């Protein structure tokens, strides 16, 4: 019975790490689509979202089956509860990456308003957060989970910074309003994506410590 449970837990971990990797790929593709006006990359980010959704359902079904048939306890049960909660957040993170890609497709049709330096910095931090999430899950690394929370604060600060900047553009030149609003939506998508990764990090704390907050 224990061997079967361990095998199932390993599979769930591997599948969750694969899903994390796919979302990271989405973020990278969407961001390249935005920053380089690369339509193919943006489209690939949108296409990848379907696989993320499929994996979410696969993992959820496996987790529920293990809980029902193997009756795990203590840390194993906390891990499964963490995965169940995290799946929704990770899937939503993928959705927000797809939203960025959709806006990147629209923005690629015309000259950029400016160099999207801050948006690029937000994307880099989100990719870092997803790398840290993989490390936290694979290595049961509490410090990696803590760093996710800290990095999300950076994402929030960058969001506030670019929002102020874009508002200034719109006030100074009304012709930039439409494009600025699209870029604000991109920044909001990045910010919300980070919030979902922060939620997962908090669940990892619960798994590793038995406490609900870090």
Protein backbone atom coordinates (compact mmCIF):
# COMPACT_ATOMS: atom_id res chain seq x y z
CA UNK A 1 0.00 0.00 0.00
CA UNK A 2 2.79 2.45 0.95
CA UNK A 3 4.72 1.70 -2.24
CA UNK A 4 1.63 2.40 -4.34
CA UNK A 5 1.02 5.67 -2.51
CA UNK A 6 4.62 6.80 -2.97
CA UNK A 7 4.44 5.98 -6.67
CA UNK A 8 1.25 8.02 -7.05
CA UNK A 9 2.72 10.95 -5.10
CA UNK A 10 5.78 10.93 -7.35
CA UNK A 11 3.59 10.98 -10.45
CA UNK A 12 1.52 13.86 -9.09
CA UNK A 13 4.70 15.80 -8.27
CA UNK A 14 6.15 15.20 -11.74
CA UNK A 15 2.90 16.22 -13.45
CA UNK A 16 2.59 19.37 -11.33
CA UNK A 17 6.18 20.30 -12.18
CA UNK A 18 5.38 19.76 -15.85
CA UNK A 19 2.37 22.05 -15.54
CA UNK A 20 4.54 24.66 -13.82
CA UNK A 21 7.06 24.40 -16.64
CA UNK A 22 4.33 24.88 -19.24
CA UNK A 23 3.05 28.02 -17.52
CA UNK A 24 6.61 29.36 -17.35
CA UNK A 25 6.91 28.68 -21.08
CA UNK A 26 3.64 30.54 -21.62
CA UNK A 27 4.92 33.57 -19.74
CA UNK A 28 8.17 33.58 -21.69
CA UNK A 29 6.44 33.17 -25.06
CA UNK A 30 3.81 35.81 -24.31
CA UNK A 31 6.46 38.25 -23.12
CA UNK A 32 8.62 37.72 -26.20
CA UNK A 33 5.50 38.19 -28.30
CA UNK A 34 4.92 41.50 -26.54
CA UNK A 35 8.46 42.86 -26.33
CA UNK A 36 9.59 41.74 -29.79
CA UNK A 37 6.20 42.02 -31.50
CA UNK A 38 6.58 38.34 -32.36
CA UNK A 39 3.16 37.12 -33.46
CA UNK A 40 4.23 33.46 -33.65
CA UNK A 41 5.48 33.43 -30.06
CA UNK A 42 2.29 35.08 -28.84
CA UNK A 43 0.16 32.57 -30.70
CA UNK A 44 2.18 29.68 -29.27
CA UNK A 45 1.56 30.99 -25.75
CA UNK A 46 -2.18 30.90 -26.41
CA UNK A 47 -2.00 27.38 -27.87
CA UNK A 48 -0.01 26.12 -24.86
CA UNK A 49 -2.85 27.15 -22.56
CA UNK A 50 -4.93 24.19 -23.77
CA UNK A 51 -2.30 21.72 -22.57
CA UNK A 52 -2.15 23.49 -19.20
CA UNK A 53 -5.93 23.10 -18.85
CA UNK A 54 -5.73 19.41 -19.78
CA UNK A 55 -2.98 18.76 -17.24
CA UNK A 56 -4.98 20.47 -14.51
CA UNK A 57 -7.85 18.02 -15.00
CA UNK A 58 -5.51 15.03 -15.22
CA UNK A 59 -3.74 15.92 -11.98
CA UNK A 60 -6.98 16.74 -10.18
CA UNK A 61 -8.45 13.35 -11.08
CA UNK A 62 -5.31 11.57 -9.90
CA UNK A 63 -5.25 13.46 -6.60
CA UNK A 64 -8.90 12.72 -5.86
CA UNK A 65 -8.37 9.06 -6.71
CA UNK A 66 -5.38 8.80 -4.36
CA UNK A 67 -7.29 10.46 -1.52
CA UNK A 68 -10.23 8.10 -2.00
CA UNK A 69 -8.28 4.85 -2.47
CA UNK A 70 -5.04 5.31 -0.51
CA UNK A 71 -6.36 7.29 2.47
CA UNK A 72 -3.16 9.34 2.99
CA UNK A 73 -2.51 11.07 6.30
CA UNK A 74 -0.39 13.88 7.80
CA UNK A 75 2.19 15.33 5.41
CA UNK A 76 1.03 13.30 2.43
CA UNK A 77 -2.52 14.53 2.86
CA UNK A 78 -1.30 18.11 3.24
CA UNK A 79 0.69 17.74 0.03
CA UNK A 80 -2.37 16.51 -1.86
CA UNK A 81 -4.49 19.33 -0.42
CA UNK A 82 -1.79 21.80 -1.47
CA UNK A 83 -1.77 20.46 -5.02
CA UNK A 84 -5.56 20.59 -5.27
CA UNK A 85 -5.60 24.22 -4.16
CA UNK A 86 -2.55 25.12 -6.26
CA UNK A 87 -3.97 23.64 -9.47
CA UNK A 88 -6.62 26.34 -9.73
CA UNK A 89 -4.10 29.13 -9.15
CA UNK A 90 -1.62 27.66 -11.61
CA UNK A 91 -4.29 27.26 -14.28
CA UNK A 92 -5.39 30.87 -13.75
CA UNK A 93 -1.75 31.97 -14.03
CA UNK A 94 -1.68 30.28 -17.43
CA UNK A 95 -4.87 32.09 -18.39
CA UNK A 96 -3.28 35.45 -17.56
CA UNK A 97 -0.22 34.56 -19.66
CA UNK A 98 -2.61 33.82 -22.53
CA UNK A 99 -4.30 37.20 -21.96
CA UNK A 100 -0.91 38.90 -22.28
CA UNK A 101 -0.33 37.01 -25.53
CA UNK A 102 -3.73 38.09 -26.88
CA UNK A 103 -2.93 41.73 -26.13
CA UNK A 104 0.53 41.24 -27.66
CA UNK A 105 -1.13 40.13 -30.91
CA UNK A 106 -3.21 43.32 -30.97
CA UNK A 107 -0.24 45.55 -30.14
CA UNK A 108 1.93 43.92 -32.83
CA UNK A 109 -0.24 45.50 -35.52
CA UNK A 110 1.18 48.97 -34.91
CA UNK A 111 4.32 50.76 -33.75
CA UNK A 112 5.06 50.38 -30.02
CA UNK A 113 4.17 53.26 -27.74
CA UNK A 114 7.56 52.99 -26.04
CA UNK A 115 10.17 50.46 -25.02
CA UNK A 116 8.38 48.11 -22.66
CA UNK A 117 11.20 47.94 -20.12
CA UNK A 118 9.06 47.71 -16.98
CA UNK A 119 6.80 45.06 -18.50
CA UNK A 120 9.93 43.08 -19.39
CA UNK A 121 11.10 43.35 -15.79
CA UNK A 122 7.71 42.12 -14.56
CA UNK A 123 7.93 39.13 -16.89
CA UNK A 124 11.45 38.28 -15.71
CA UNK A 125 10.32 38.25 -12.11
CA UNK A 126 7.32 36.06 -12.91
CA UNK A 127 9.57 33.57 -14.67
CA UNK A 128 11.81 33.62 -11.59
CA UNK A 129 8.79 32.98 -9.37
CA UNK A 130 7.84 29.94 -11.46
CA UNK A 131 11.42 28.62 -11.24
CA UNK A 132 11.26 29.05 -7.47
CA UNK A 133 7.90 27.29 -7.35
CA UNK A 134 9.36 24.27 -9.13
CA UNK A 135 12.26 24.26 -6.65
CA UNK A 136 9.93 24.59 -3.66
CA UNK A 137 7.83 21.63 -4.79
CA UNK A 138 10.63 19.37 -6.03
CA UNK A 139 12.99 19.97 -3.11
CA UNK A 140 10.51 20.84 -0.36
CA UNK A 141 12.34 24.14 -0.14
CA UNK A 142 10.75 26.57 2.28
CA UNK A 143 13.22 29.33 1.42
CA UNK A 144 12.22 29.16 -2.25
CA UNK A 145 8.58 29.58 -1.24
CA UNK A 146 9.54 32.61 0.86
CA UNK A 147 11.40 34.14 -2.07
CA UNK A 148 8.28 33.81 -4.22
CA UNK A 149 6.42 36.03 -1.75
CA UNK A 150 9.23 38.59 -1.76
CA UNK A 151 9.46 38.63 -5.55
CA UNK A 152 5.72 39.20 -5.83
CA UNK A 153 6.21 42.42 -3.87
CA UNK A 154 8.60 43.52 -6.64
CA UNK A 155 5.96 42.69 -9.27
CA UNK A 156 3.41 44.79 -7.37
CA UNK A 157 5.82 47.71 -7.18
CA UNK A 158 6.54 47.53 -10.92
CA UNK A 159 2.80 47.42 -11.61
CA UNK A 160 2.29 50.65 -9.67
CA UNK A 161 5.24 52.22 -11.48
CA UNK A 162 4.03 51.44 -15.00
CA UNK A 163 0.45 52.41 -14.15
CA UNK A 164 1.63 55.89 -13.13
CA UNK A 165 3.78 56.14 -16.24
CA UNK A 166 0.95 55.17 -18.60
CA UNK A 167 -1.45 57.57 -16.92
CA UNK A 168 1.05 60.35 -17.59
CA UNK A 169 1.21 59.34 -21.26
CA UNK A 170 -2.57 59.51 -21.58
CA UNK A 171 -2.82 62.89 -19.87
CA UNK A 172 -0.06 64.41 -22.00
CA UNK A 173 -1.24 62.95 -25.31
CA UNK A 174 -4.85 61.69 -25.67
CA UNK A 175 -3.83 59.89 -28.87
CA UNK A 176 -2.02 57.32 -26.72
CA UNK A 177 -5.09 56.42 -24.66
CA UNK A 178 -6.12 53.28 -26.54
CA UNK A 179 -2.63 51.77 -26.62
CA UNK A 180 -1.93 52.83 -23.03
CA UNK A 181 -5.08 51.12 -21.81
CA UNK A 182 -4.04 47.90 -23.55
CA UNK A 183 -0.63 48.11 -21.90
CA UNK A 184 -2.26 48.72 -18.52
CA UNK A 185 -4.29 45.57 -19.09
CA UNK A 186 -1.07 43.68 -19.82
CA UNK A 187 0.47 45.00 -16.61
CA UNK A 188 -2.65 43.99 -14.67
CA UNK A 189 -2.46 40.49 -16.15
CA UNK A 190 1.15 40.20 -14.99
CA UNK A 191 0.23 41.51 -11.55
CA UNK A 192 -2.66 39.05 -11.17
CA UNK A 193 -0.46 36.21 -12.42
CA UNK A 194 1.98 37.00 -9.65
CA UNK A 195 -0.83 36.99 -7.09
CA UNK A 196 -1.78 33.45 -8.10
CA UNK A 197 1.82 32.30 -7.70
CA UNK A 198 1.89 33.98 -4.30
CA UNK A 199 -1.21 31.97 -3.34
CA UNK A 200 0.58 28.75 -4.27
CA UNK A 201 3.63 29.72 -2.23
CA UNK A 202 1.40 30.21 0.81
CA UNK A 203 -0.05 26.71 0.28
CA UNK A 204 3.50 25.32 0.10
CA UNK A 205 4.10 26.80 3.55
CA UNK A 206 1.04 24.92 4.75
CA UNK A 207 2.30 21.67 3.24
CA UNK A 208 5.80 21.96 4.68
CA UNK A 209 4.99 23.41 8.11
CA UNK A 210 1.35 22.58 8.81
CA UNK A 211 0.71 26.31 9.26
CA UNK A 212 -1.46 28.40 6.93
CA UNK A 213 0.83 31.41 6.72
CA UNK A 214 4.49 31.97 6.08
